Amino acid sequence: MRLWGAVALAVSMAMGLAAQAPSRAPAASVQAVEVPGGTILSYRAKGSTSVELRGTERAQGASAVVKVEHRGGVIEIELRRGAVSGLGPASRFGADMLTYVLWVVPLDGGAASLGEITFEGDRSDSLKVTTSHPAFWLLVTAEPDFAVAEPSPVAVLVSQSSELATAVPGPLLYFTRYTDYNASAAATPATAPLDLLQARKAVELAARVQPSAAGSETAPDDARAGDAFRLAQAYLEQAEREFAGEGDNLTQYARTAVQLAESARALATGAAGRLPAHEAERLRARVKAAETELATLRDRSSQIEASLDQERHHTRELESEVLSLRERITSLETAAERARTNSARLEEQLAYACTELRLQLASMGHLTEQGGAVMIDLASDVLYDSGRYELRASAREGLGRLAALRRLFFPRAALRFEGHTDLVGEEEYNQWLSEQRALSVFRYFLEDAITRTADDNAKVELDTELSVAEQLLKMNYNAARRQASQRQELLTLLGNRVVGKGMREPLVPEKGPNEQNRRVTIILAPREPGAPVSFCPMGEGQ
């Protein structure tokens, strides 16, 4: 009996210590923001239309016009140069505001950023983007920087009705955690460039929400938030040095600092979704162990109580053990219930995180999952000019977001790049063009990895691969034909990570131009057979 009591006491103490493990601070609360005076629109499958964006009560007199056109499986949204008027500087909406961001808001209220609205003098620059949503409304908000994960409550422009689109009834609602902004008047305008001002503000906002280092355990997304925040500080310091020394790379360092700071902020506040996968697994194991032990203790208690009914002459020691067992059962039931509650909460957070990740990836291209690999189809018409393989400036910003998501959520995945063309033109030329386009995206990811690699050996490998990619990209079509064997040797050095498939494997098997067939596919594959690329299912309908 003493041995059984010691075992039960040890189990109880273990469960008690597990229940007392430090918990994380809850994610920031989500708030709904309703914008009156606008219209949700459903767009026709063919043709284009102009949609007016009108100023809200905060920005009366402001307006903009966008062109919306259905193109195959996506809707293209174009804001032409000079199409925005009457907004004025974003700083008039508060000391934290520095720029404007255009959002597409579907019926569920989950806003997705389409990009920053920039100005040259008083004249707005052009912006051309796509979305997969067939029904949505457009929103412009004042923001502290271009890379915010969720819109601020400062809505300044909202879409109106259009003759060639159908109005969808319902309130214009969107959801955000980002509400704690300084609405006081901005100080005297700074002399630093806007990119540097945004970087400073992004790092300042991220610093406000960084998790405490207290406790013996660090949750996975807290660790990622800390890593991203420290990288953001490093890039901001480099941008400041470029500004002081009039260097040529200020914009690159500043905008990278913004992206990293916003990733840290999103992770710390829950805007990127909390991802405590290891904690959830640990709690599930704890629940299972507690339930097994609980069943064992209940059986033992039943046996002892039956013995008491049959043998009234049992000693006080046995009665004391029964009482102790009952207390242990109560304690374990409480611990198991607490563990079940925590597990359910973590499962909910994990599901939300997976939904947010799928939305982020789907906003950049067509997302599928096959054989354990995640594939993102990027439209060539968005990445390159017609017949070209050099990346557009706007495409580099989108690839930067994709590279950041890959580092945070798929750090162990192997990358493969495939180029495809439509069923038009000479087959040999299309094969070369598909290889060049896949190589240009591969080169971008190499350059991004080199800037973030501290390991000298790894950097040497990356530099070698970059040299091979540069040699291939310098071969125009005629040179590639003349030097076919040399080109094949260079491609072989890259293994099967960069593949041009020309006119093979079309999404739409029909002759003629088709933008769905003109694409670059980025494949995130397991490094080992059976290993998961992500703990989130990425396929459609998940």
Protein backbone atom coordinates (compact mmCIF):
# COMPACT_ATOMS: atom_id res chain seq x y z
CA MET A 1 0.00 0.00 0.00
CA ARG A 2 2.82 2.43 0.75
CA LEU A 3 4.36 1.69 -2.67
CA TRP A 4 1.06 2.40 -4.44
CA GLY A 5 0.68 5.69 -2.51
CA ALA A 6 4.18 6.80 -3.51
CA VAL A 7 3.45 6.08 -7.20
CA ALA A 8 0.15 7.97 -7.10
CA LEU A 9 1.84 10.91 -5.35
CA ALA A 10 4.59 11.05 -8.04
CA VAL A 11 2.00 11.04 -10.85
CA SER A 12 0.03 13.78 -9.11
CA MET A 13 3.12 15.95 -8.63
CA ALA A 14 4.10 15.53 -12.31
CA MET A 15 0.62 16.54 -13.47
CA GLY A 16 0.61 19.50 -11.08
CA LEU A 17 3.95 20.77 -12.38
CA ALA A 18 2.73 20.39 -15.97
CA ALA A 19 -0.38 22.37 -15.16
CA GLN A 20 1.77 25.15 -13.66
CA ALA A 21 3.97 25.60 -16.80
CA PRO A 22 4.17 29.25 -17.82
CA SER A 23 1.44 30.30 -20.23
CA ARG A 24 1.68 32.81 -23.07
CA ALA A 25 0.00 36.15 -23.19
CA PRO A 26 -3.22 36.05 -25.28
CA ALA A 27 -3.17 37.42 -28.84
CA ALA A 28 -4.41 40.96 -29.42
CA SER A 29 -8.21 41.18 -29.71
CA VAL A 30 -9.80 41.48 -33.15
CA GLN A 31 -12.05 44.49 -33.73
CA ALA A 32 -14.62 44.98 -36.48
CA VAL A 33 -14.57 48.28 -38.38
CA GLU A 34 -17.62 49.30 -40.45
CA VAL A 35 -17.21 51.83 -43.26
CA PRO A 36 -20.45 53.55 -44.36
CA GLY A 37 -21.13 54.91 -47.82
CA GLY A 38 -19.52 52.20 -49.99
CA THR A 39 -20.58 49.23 -52.12
CA ILE A 40 -19.57 45.57 -52.36
CA LEU A 41 -19.34 44.53 -56.04
CA SER A 42 -19.49 41.23 -57.93
CA TYR A 43 -17.68 41.43 -61.29
CA ARG A 44 -18.63 39.87 -64.62
CA ALA A 45 -16.55 37.06 -66.08
CA LYS A 46 -15.64 39.15 -69.16
CA GLY A 47 -14.87 42.79 -69.83
CA SER A 48 -13.52 45.64 -67.75
CA THR A 49 -15.10 48.46 -65.77
CA SER A 50 -14.05 51.62 -63.93
CA VAL A 51 -14.78 51.78 -60.21
CA GLU A 52 -14.76 55.07 -58.30
CA LEU A 53 -13.30 55.24 -54.79
CA ARG A 54 -14.77 58.11 -52.78
CA GLY A 55 -13.43 59.78 -49.65
CA THR A 56 -14.90 58.85 -46.26
CA GLU A 57 -15.85 61.39 -43.57
CA ARG A 58 -12.16 61.52 -42.61
CA ALA A 59 -11.10 62.48 -46.15
CA GLN A 60 -13.97 64.41 -47.69
CA GLY A 61 -13.19 65.56 -51.21
CA ALA A 62 -10.65 62.79 -51.88
CA SER A 63 -11.27 60.38 -54.75
CA ALA A 64 -9.67 57.78 -57.01
CA VAL A 65 -10.58 55.66 -60.04
CA VAL A 66 -9.45 52.08 -60.65
CA LYS A 67 -9.87 49.82 -63.65
CA VAL A 68 -11.13 46.30 -62.81
CA GLU A 69 -10.91 43.54 -65.44
CA HIS A 70 -11.62 39.79 -65.30
CA ARG A 71 -8.66 37.85 -66.73
CA GLY A 72 -9.18 34.09 -66.66
CA GLY A 73 -8.97 32.88 -63.10
CA VAL A 74 -7.99 36.25 -61.59
CA ILE A 75 -9.29 39.81 -61.46
CA GLU A 76 -6.80 42.54 -62.40
CA ILE A 77 -7.00 45.86 -60.55
CA GLU A 78 -5.16 48.83 -62.06
CA LEU A 79 -4.67 52.22 -60.42
CA ARG A 80 -3.28 54.45 -63.16
CA ARG A 81 -0.81 57.26 -62.62
CA GLY A 82 -2.47 60.38 -61.26
CA ALA A 83 -5.75 58.53 -60.53
CA VAL A 84 -5.77 59.58 -56.82
CA SER A 85 -6.60 63.14 -55.83
CA GLY A 86 -7.38 65.15 -52.70
CA LEU A 87 -5.75 62.87 -50.10
CA GLY A 88 -2.88 65.03 -48.90
CA PRO A 89 -0.12 63.66 -46.63
CA ALA A 90 -0.98 60.63 -44.47
CA SER A 91 0.50 62.38 -41.41
CA ARG A 92 -2.62 64.53 -41.16
CA PHE A 93 -4.39 61.48 -39.70
CA GLY A 94 -1.96 61.07 -36.80
CA ALA A 95 1.68 60.96 -35.77
CA ASP A 96 1.95 57.23 -36.63
CA MET A 97 0.69 57.58 -40.21
CA LEU A 98 3.17 57.88 -43.09
CA THR A 99 1.61 56.31 -46.20
CA TYR A 100 -1.50 54.82 -47.82
CA VAL A 101 -2.28 51.15 -48.58
CA LEU A 102 -4.90 49.71 -50.98
CA TRP A 103 -6.84 46.67 -49.67
CA VAL A 104 -9.21 44.16 -51.23
CA VAL A 105 -11.91 43.09 -48.74
CA PRO A 106 -13.99 39.95 -49.51
CA LEU A 107 -17.36 39.23 -47.95
CA ASP A 108 -15.82 37.64 -44.84
CA GLY A 109 -14.07 40.92 -43.90
CA GLY A 110 -10.52 39.52 -44.04
CA ALA A 111 -8.70 42.37 -45.79
CA ALA A 112 -5.66 41.54 -48.00
CA SER A 113 -3.11 44.20 -48.95
CA LEU A 114 -2.78 45.00 -52.66
CA GLY A 115 0.16 47.35 -52.12
CA GLU A 116 1.25 50.83 -51.18
CA ILE A 117 -0.06 53.92 -52.99
CA THR A 118 3.00 56.07 -53.63
CA PHE A 119 3.28 59.60 -54.94
CA GLU A 120 5.73 61.56 -57.06
CA GLY A 121 5.12 65.09 -55.92
CA ASP A 122 1.33 65.59 -55.85
CA ARG A 123 0.78 62.88 -58.47
CA SER A 124 0.05 59.25 -57.49
CA ASP A 125 2.09 56.47 -59.09
CA SER A 126 0.54 53.57 -60.99
CA LEU A 127 -0.28 50.25 -59.29
CA LYS A 128 -1.33 47.03 -61.04
CA VAL A 129 -2.27 43.95 -58.99
CA THR A 130 -4.53 40.88 -59.08
CA THR A 131 -6.95 39.09 -56.75
CA SER A 132 -8.73 35.74 -56.92
CA HIS A 133 -11.90 37.00 -55.18
CA PRO A 134 -14.92 37.38 -57.53
CA ALA A 135 -16.81 39.70 -55.13
CA PHE A 136 -15.20 42.33 -52.92
CA TRP A 137 -14.94 45.99 -52.02
CA LEU A 138 -11.89 48.22 -52.19
CA LEU A 139 -10.50 50.18 -49.27
CA VAL A 140 -7.67 52.67 -48.83
CA THR A 141 -6.33 53.31 -45.30
CA ALA A 142 -3.68 55.56 -43.79
CA GLU A 143 -0.86 53.38 -42.43
CA PRO A 144 2.53 53.70 -40.68
CA ASP A 145 4.24 51.65 -43.43
CA PHE A 146 3.61 49.67 -46.62
CA ALA A 147 3.90 46.15 -45.11
CA VAL A 148 1.21 46.17 -42.39
CA ALA A 149 -0.52 42.76 -42.05
CA GLU A 150 -3.92 44.25 -41.20
CA PRO A 151 -5.51 47.63 -41.99
CA SER A 152 -5.72 50.48 -39.50
CA PRO A 153 -9.14 51.89 -38.53
CA VAL A 154 -8.30 55.07 -40.52
CA ALA A 155 -10.32 54.37 -43.70
CA VAL A 156 -9.99 57.22 -46.21
CA LEU A 157 -11.32 55.85 -49.54
CA VAL A 158 -14.00 53.21 -50.26
CA SER A 159 -15.35 51.75 -53.54
CA GLN A 160 -18.68 52.89 -55.02
CA SER A 161 -21.12 51.25 -57.48
CA SER A 162 -20.23 50.49 -61.12
CA GLU A 163 -22.41 50.08 -64.21
CA LEU A 164 -20.71 46.82 -65.30
CA ALA A 165 -20.67 45.15 -61.87
CA THR A 166 -23.46 43.89 -59.60
CA ALA A 167 -23.91 45.43 -56.15
CA VAL A 168 -23.94 42.90 -53.29
CA PRO A 169 -26.08 43.95 -50.29
CA GLY A 170 -24.52 44.02 -46.85
CA PRO A 171 -22.42 46.18 -44.52
CA LEU A 172 -18.81 47.04 -45.41
CA LEU A 173 -16.93 45.40 -42.53
CA TYR A 174 -13.29 44.52 -42.04
CA PHE A 175 -11.39 43.09 -39.06
CA THR A 176 -8.12 44.23 -37.51
CA ARG A 177 -5.97 43.98 -34.41
CA TYR A 178 -4.06 47.13 -35.31
CA THR A 179 -5.98 49.87 -33.50
CA ASP A 180 -3.48 51.29 -31.02
CA TYR A 181 -2.12 54.15 -33.15
CA ASN A 182 -1.15 57.65 -32.09
CA ALA A 183 -3.88 59.93 -33.46
CA SER A 184 -2.26 63.16 -32.22
CA ALA A 185 -0.92 65.68 -34.70
CA ALA A 186 2.39 64.78 -36.32
CA ALA A 187 5.51 66.71 -35.31
CA THR A 188 7.45 68.91 -37.72
CA PRO A 189 8.01 66.92 -40.94
CA ALA A 190 11.31 64.99 -40.89
CA THR A 191 13.96 65.49 -43.56
CA ALA A 192 14.69 61.77 -43.94
CA PRO A 193 13.37 59.84 -47.00
CA LEU A 194 9.92 58.27 -46.67
CA ASP A 195 11.33 54.71 -46.86
CA LEU A 196 13.57 55.40 -43.85
CA LEU A 197 10.72 57.06 -41.91
CA GLN A 198 8.56 53.96 -42.51
CA ALA A 199 11.37 51.68 -41.32
CA ARG A 200 11.81 53.69 -38.12
CA LYS A 201 8.07 53.63 -37.45
CA ALA A 202 7.72 49.89 -38.20
CA VAL A 203 10.53 49.01 -35.77
CA GLU A 204 9.03 51.34 -33.15
CA LEU A 205 5.60 49.67 -33.45
CA ALA A 206 7.11 46.18 -33.34
CA ALA A 207 9.11 47.08 -30.22
CA ARG A 208 5.88 47.99 -28.38
CA VAL A 209 4.50 44.45 -28.64
CA GLN A 210 7.57 42.22 -28.33
CA PRO A 211 6.92 39.33 -25.86
CA SER A 212 8.59 39.26 -22.46
CA ALA A 213 11.60 36.99 -22.00
CA ALA A 214 10.27 35.79 -18.58
CA GLY A 215 9.67 32.08 -18.10
CA SER A 216 11.73 28.99 -18.80
CA GLU A 217 10.07 28.16 -22.10
CA THR A 218 9.80 30.24 -25.28
CA ALA A 219 6.84 29.60 -27.59
CA PRO A 220 7.79 29.01 -31.26
CA ASP A 221 6.13 32.14 -32.63
CA ASP A 222 7.58 34.26 -29.79
CA ALA A 223 11.02 33.03 -30.83
CA ARG A 224 10.30 33.83 -34.45
CA ALA A 225 9.01 37.26 -33.47
CA GLY A 226 12.23 37.94 -31.56
CA ASP A 227 14.41 36.75 -34.44
CA ALA A 228 12.50 38.84 -36.98
CA PHE A 229 12.62 41.90 -34.70
CA ARG A 230 16.39 41.67 -34.22
CA LEU A 231 16.88 41.34 -37.97
CA ALA A 232 14.64 44.38 -38.51
CA GLN A 233 16.79 46.42 -36.10
CA ALA A 234 19.94 45.34 -37.94
CA TYR A 235 18.54 46.37 -41.32
CA LEU A 236 17.32 49.70 -39.89
CA GLU A 237 20.80 50.40 -38.55
CA GLN A 238 22.24 49.67 -42.01
CA ALA A 239 19.65 51.98 -43.61
CA GLU A 240 20.59 54.73 -41.15
CA ARG A 241 24.26 54.31 -42.12
CA GLU A 242 23.33 54.51 -45.80
CA PHE A 243 21.39 57.71 -45.10
CA ALA A 244 24.26 59.26 -43.15
CA GLY A 245 26.76 58.30 -45.85
CA GLU A 246 24.46 58.96 -48.82
CA GLY A 247 24.70 55.30 -49.91
CA ASP A 248 22.81 53.79 -52.86
CA ASN A 249 21.07 50.96 -50.96
CA LEU A 250 19.00 52.92 -48.43
CA THR A 251 15.66 51.90 -50.00
CA GLN A 252 16.55 48.20 -50.02
CA TYR A 253 17.67 48.13 -46.38
CA ALA A 254 14.80 50.34 -45.17
CA ARG A 255 12.04 48.36 -46.91
CA THR A 256 13.54 45.07 -45.74
CA ALA A 257 13.56 46.45 -42.17
CA VAL A 258 9.87 47.35 -42.58
CA GLN A 259 8.96 43.85 -43.79
CA LEU A 260 10.83 42.12 -40.97
CA ALA A 261 9.48 44.48 -38.28
CA GLU A 262 5.91 43.92 -39.47
CA SER A 263 6.46 40.14 -39.45
CA ALA A 264 7.67 40.41 -35.83
CA ARG A 265 4.69 42.59 -34.95
CA ALA A 266 2.21 40.21 -36.60
CA LEU A 267 3.66 37.20 -34.79
CA ALA A 268 3.66 38.98 -31.41
CA THR A 269 0.06 40.25 -31.72
CA GLY A 270 -1.46 37.19 -33.35
CA ALA A 271 -2.07 38.91 -36.71
CA ALA A 272 0.03 36.19 -38.37
CA GLY A 273 -1.78 33.53 -36.37
CA ARG A 274 -0.26 31.83 -33.36
CA LEU A 275 1.58 28.66 -34.27
CA PRO A 276 2.23 26.75 -30.96
CA ALA A 277 2.39 23.36 -32.69
CA HIS A 278 4.91 21.87 -30.24
CA GLU A 279 2.96 23.17 -27.28
CA ALA A 280 -0.27 21.69 -28.68
CA GLU A 281 1.41 18.33 -29.22
CA ARG A 282 2.83 18.40 -25.69
CA LEU A 283 -0.60 19.17 -24.21
CA ARG A 284 -2.25 16.41 -26.23
CA ALA A 285 0.30 13.93 -24.88
CA ARG A 286 -0.28 15.28 -21.37
CA VAL A 287 -4.05 14.82 -21.74
CA LYS A 288 -3.59 11.25 -22.95
CA ALA A 289 -1.23 10.38 -20.10
CA ALA A 290 -3.55 11.99 -17.55
CA GLU A 291 -6.59 10.11 -18.87
CA THR A 292 -4.68 6.79 -18.81
CA GLU A 293 -3.51 7.41 -15.26
CA LEU A 294 -6.99 8.56 -14.28
CA ALA A 295 -8.53 5.32 -15.56
CA THR A 296 -5.93 3.28 -13.65
CA LEU A 297 -6.58 5.16 -10.42
CA ARG A 298 -10.34 4.83 -10.79
CA ASP A 299 -10.00 1.06 -11.20
CA ARG A 300 -7.80 0.86 -8.13
CA SER A 301 -10.23 2.94 -6.12
CA SER A 302 -13.13 0.64 -7.11
CA GLN A 303 -11.16 -2.42 -6.04
CA ILE A 304 -10.36 -0.91 -2.65
CA GLU A 305 -13.96 0.16 -2.01
CA ALA A 306 -15.18 -3.37 -2.90
CA SER A 307 -12.68 -4.80 -0.44
CA LEU A 308 -13.98 -2.42 2.27
CA ASP A 309 -17.54 -3.69 1.72
CA GLN A 310 -16.41 -7.30 2.10
CA GLU A 311 -13.86 -6.80 4.87
CA ARG A 312 -14.94 -4.24 7.41
CA HIS A 313 -11.90 -5.03 9.54
CA HIS A 314 -9.46 -3.28 7.14
CA THR A 315 -7.08 -0.98 8.93
CA ARG A 316 -7.04 2.81 9.05
CA GLU A 317 -4.06 2.73 6.71
CA LEU A 318 -6.24 1.30 3.91
CA GLU A 319 -9.01 3.84 4.55
CA SER A 320 -6.44 6.61 4.50
CA GLU A 321 -5.15 5.34 1.15
CA VAL A 322 -8.67 5.35 -0.32
CA LEU A 323 -9.13 8.97 0.77
CA SER A 324 -5.77 9.88 -0.73
CA LEU A 325 -6.68 8.17 -3.99
CA ARG A 326 -9.94 10.10 -4.17
CA GLU A 327 -8.06 13.33 -3.70
CA ARG A 328 -5.60 12.33 -6.42
CA ILE A 329 -8.48 11.49 -8.76
CA THR A 330 -10.04 14.91 -8.17
CA SER A 331 -6.69 16.58 -8.77
CA LEU A 332 -6.10 14.60 -11.97
CA GLU A 333 -9.63 15.27 -13.25
CA THR A 334 -9.05 19.01 -12.72
CA ALA A 335 -5.66 18.84 -14.45
CA ALA A 336 -7.08 16.78 -17.33
CA GLU A 337 -9.98 19.20 -17.84
CA ARG A 338 -7.57 22.15 -17.80
CA ALA A 339 -5.34 20.36 -20.30
CA ARG A 340 -8.34 19.58 -22.56
CA THR A 341 -9.41 23.24 -22.46
CA ASN A 342 -5.89 24.44 -23.30
CA SER A 343 -5.60 21.86 -26.06
CA ALA A 344 -8.89 22.99 -27.63
CA ARG A 345 -7.75 26.62 -27.46
CA LEU A 346 -4.45 25.78 -29.11
CA GLU A 347 -6.18 23.71 -31.80
CA GLU A 348 -8.39 26.72 -32.57
CA GLN A 349 -5.36 29.03 -32.76
CA LEU A 350 -3.57 26.53 -34.97
CA ALA A 351 -6.55 26.34 -37.36
CA TYR A 352 -6.68 30.13 -37.51
CA ALA A 353 -2.95 30.31 -38.18
CA CYS A 354 -3.25 27.83 -41.04
CA THR A 355 -6.14 29.82 -42.54
CA GLU A 356 -4.11 33.05 -42.36
CA LEU A 357 -1.09 31.37 -43.95
CA ARG A 358 -3.19 29.98 -46.82
CA LEU A 359 -4.74 33.42 -47.41
CA GLN A 360 -1.31 35.08 -47.49
CA LEU A 361 0.03 32.53 -50.00
CA ALA A 362 -3.17 32.53 -52.10
CA SER A 363 -2.99 36.34 -52.39
CA MET A 364 0.32 35.92 -54.26
CA GLY A 365 -0.70 33.19 -56.70
CA HIS A 366 -2.65 29.96 -57.27
CA LEU A 367 -2.00 27.58 -54.34
CA THR A 368 -2.20 23.76 -54.51
CA GLU A 369 -0.84 20.76 -52.59
CA GLN A 370 0.15 17.48 -54.24
CA GLY A 371 2.06 14.49 -52.88
CA GLY A 372 3.07 16.40 -49.74
CA ALA A 373 4.49 19.33 -51.76
CA VAL A 374 3.05 22.88 -51.75
CA MET A 375 2.97 24.57 -55.19
CA ILE A 376 2.44 28.29 -55.83
CA ASP A 377 1.75 29.32 -59.44
CA LEU A 378 2.89 32.92 -60.07
CA ALA A 379 1.51 34.57 -63.22
CA SER A 380 4.30 35.49 -65.67
CA ASP A 381 2.26 38.52 -66.79
CA VAL A 382 2.62 39.92 -63.26
CA LEU A 383 6.33 39.03 -62.91
CA TYR A 384 7.67 40.09 -66.33
CA ASP A 385 6.98 42.32 -69.29
CA SER A 386 5.82 40.50 -72.44
CA GLY A 387 8.58 38.34 -73.92
CA ARG A 388 11.03 39.31 -71.16
CA TYR A 389 12.52 37.45 -68.21
CA GLU A 390 13.86 40.33 -66.06
CA LEU A 391 11.68 40.77 -62.95
CA ARG A 392 9.53 43.88 -62.69
CA ALA A 393 10.15 46.12 -59.68
CA SER A 394 6.63 45.40 -58.42
CA ALA A 395 7.25 41.66 -58.77
CA ARG A 396 10.36 41.86 -56.55
CA GLU A 397 8.26 43.28 -53.71
CA GLY A 398 5.78 40.40 -53.99
CA LEU A 399 8.60 37.85 -54.11
CA GLY A 400 10.08 39.52 -51.01
CA ARG A 401 6.85 38.83 -49.12
CA LEU A 402 6.87 35.23 -50.36
CA ALA A 403 10.52 34.79 -49.33
CA ALA A 404 9.74 36.13 -45.85
CA LEU A 405 6.80 33.72 -45.45
CA ARG A 406 8.98 30.86 -46.66
CA ARG A 407 11.70 31.63 -44.09
CA LEU A 408 9.20 31.84 -41.22
CA PHE A 409 6.84 28.96 -42.04
CA PHE A 410 8.75 26.58 -44.38
CA PRO A 411 12.40 26.83 -43.23
CA ARG A 412 13.11 23.11 -43.82
CA ALA A 413 11.40 22.80 -47.22
CA ALA A 414 13.40 22.21 -50.43
CA LEU A 415 12.73 24.78 -53.18
CA ARG A 416 12.18 24.01 -56.86
CA PHE A 417 11.39 26.49 -59.65
CA GLU A 418 9.55 25.57 -62.86
CA GLY A 419 8.95 27.87 -65.85
CA HIS A 420 6.02 27.38 -68.27
CA THR A 421 4.82 29.23 -71.40
CA ASP A 422 1.63 29.26 -73.43
CA LEU A 423 1.13 27.20 -76.59
CA VAL A 424 2.32 29.92 -78.99
CA GLY A 425 5.55 30.32 -80.96
CA GLU A 426 8.64 28.23 -81.54
CA GLU A 427 9.06 25.35 -79.11
CA GLU A 428 12.84 25.82 -78.67
CA TYR A 429 12.41 29.53 -77.94
CA ASN A 430 9.65 28.83 -75.41
CA GLN A 431 11.86 26.23 -73.71
CA TRP A 432 14.68 28.80 -73.37
CA LEU A 433 12.29 31.55 -72.18
CA SER A 434 10.72 29.23 -69.56
CA GLU A 435 14.21 28.37 -68.25
CA GLN A 436 15.25 32.04 -68.09
CA ARG A 437 12.10 33.02 -66.19
CA ALA A 438 12.52 30.19 -63.68
CA LEU A 439 16.19 31.21 -63.29
CA SER A 440 15.32 34.87 -62.60
CA VAL A 441 13.03 33.85 -59.69
CA PHE A 442 15.67 31.34 -58.48
CA ARG A 443 18.28 34.13 -58.54
CA TYR A 444 16.03 36.40 -56.43
CA PHE A 445 15.71 33.72 -53.72
CA LEU A 446 19.48 33.07 -53.83
CA GLU A 447 20.24 36.79 -53.37
CA ASP A 448 17.73 36.95 -50.51
CA ALA A 449 19.34 33.91 -48.82
CA ILE A 450 22.85 35.34 -49.21
CA THR A 451 21.91 38.60 -47.45
CA ARG A 452 20.61 36.60 -44.45
CA THR A 453 23.27 33.88 -44.17
CA ALA A 454 25.90 34.21 -41.46
CA ASP A 455 27.45 30.78 -42.14
CA ASP A 456 30.53 31.35 -44.32
CA ASN A 457 30.45 27.81 -45.78
CA ALA A 458 26.80 28.12 -46.69
CA LYS A 459 27.44 31.55 -48.21
CA VAL A 460 30.20 30.09 -50.44
CA GLU A 461 27.75 27.46 -51.75
CA LEU A 462 25.08 30.09 -52.39
CA ASP A 463 27.56 32.39 -54.16
CA THR A 464 28.62 29.47 -56.40
CA GLU A 465 25.01 28.74 -57.34
CA LEU A 466 24.40 32.45 -57.95
CA SER A 467 27.40 32.55 -60.32
CA VAL A 468 25.96 29.62 -62.30
CA ALA A 469 22.53 31.28 -62.49
CA GLU A 470 24.08 34.58 -63.64
CA GLN A 471 25.99 32.81 -66.45
CA LEU A 472 22.79 31.14 -67.65
CA LEU A 473 20.77 34.37 -67.49
CA LYS A 474 23.39 36.15 -69.62
CA MET A 475 22.84 33.66 -72.47
CA ASN A 476 20.37 35.14 -74.93
CA TYR A 477 18.42 32.81 -77.21
CA ASN A 478 21.03 32.73 -79.97
CA ALA A 479 23.89 32.14 -77.51
CA ALA A 480 21.90 29.36 -75.82
CA ARG A 481 21.47 27.58 -79.18
CA ARG A 482 25.16 27.95 -80.07
CA GLN A 483 26.32 26.81 -76.64
CA ALA A 484 23.67 24.14 -76.00
CA SER A 485 26.03 21.63 -74.38
CA GLN A 486 27.67 24.27 -72.14
CA ARG A 487 24.22 25.51 -71.10
CA GLN A 488 23.10 21.98 -70.26
CA GLU A 489 26.21 21.45 -68.12
CA LEU A 490 25.44 24.63 -66.17
CA LEU A 491 21.81 23.59 -65.67
CA THR A 492 22.99 20.18 -64.46
CA LEU A 493 25.06 21.91 -61.75
CA LEU A 494 21.80 23.25 -60.30
CA GLY A 495 20.32 19.74 -60.12
CA ASN A 496 16.59 19.64 -60.74
CA ARG A 497 15.87 22.80 -58.73
CA VAL A 498 15.47 25.01 -61.82
CA VAL A 499 13.50 23.49 -64.70
CA GLY A 500 12.09 25.01 -67.88
CA LYS A 501 9.11 23.11 -69.25
CA GLY A 502 8.32 25.41 -72.17
CA MET A 503 4.95 24.52 -73.61
CA ARG A 504 4.69 21.23 -71.64
CA GLU A 505 2.17 20.69 -68.81
CA PRO A 506 -0.25 23.53 -69.72
CA LEU A 507 -3.02 24.29 -67.26
CA VAL A 508 -5.35 24.99 -70.20
CA PRO A 509 -4.58 22.49 -73.02
CA GLU A 510 -5.52 24.65 -75.99
CA LYS A 511 -3.50 26.30 -78.73
CA GLY A 512 -2.99 30.05 -78.64
CA PRO A 513 -2.12 32.58 -75.95
CA ASN A 514 -3.44 31.88 -72.48
CA GLU A 515 -2.15 33.73 -69.40
CA GLN A 516 -2.87 30.74 -67.12
CA ASN A 517 -0.22 28.75 -69.05
CA ARG A 518 2.34 31.59 -68.72
CA ARG A 519 3.56 31.01 -65.18
CA VAL A 520 6.45 30.24 -62.86
CA THR A 521 5.71 27.54 -60.29
CA ILE A 522 7.53 27.55 -56.93
CA ILE A 523 7.45 24.08 -55.34
CA LEU A 524 8.05 23.65 -51.59
CA ALA A 525 8.87 19.95 -51.26
CA PRO A 526 9.87 17.66 -48.34
CA ARG A 527 13.63 17.20 -48.01
CA GLU A 528 13.03 13.58 -46.92
CA PRO A 529 10.30 11.14 -48.09
CA GLY A 530 7.24 11.36 -45.88
CA ALA A 531 8.42 14.47 -44.03
CA PRO A 532 5.78 17.25 -43.88
CA VAL A 533 6.52 20.57 -45.55
CA SER A 534 4.22 22.33 -43.09
CA PHE A 535 1.94 21.36 -40.22
CA CYS A 536 -0.86 23.19 -42.10
CA PRO A 537 -2.78 21.57 -45.00
CA MET A 538 -2.26 23.88 -48.00
CA GLY A 539 -4.59 22.44 -50.62
CA GLU A 540 -7.78 24.04 -51.92
CA GLY A 541 -10.89 23.49 -49.82
CA GLN A 542 -8.91 22.83 -46.61
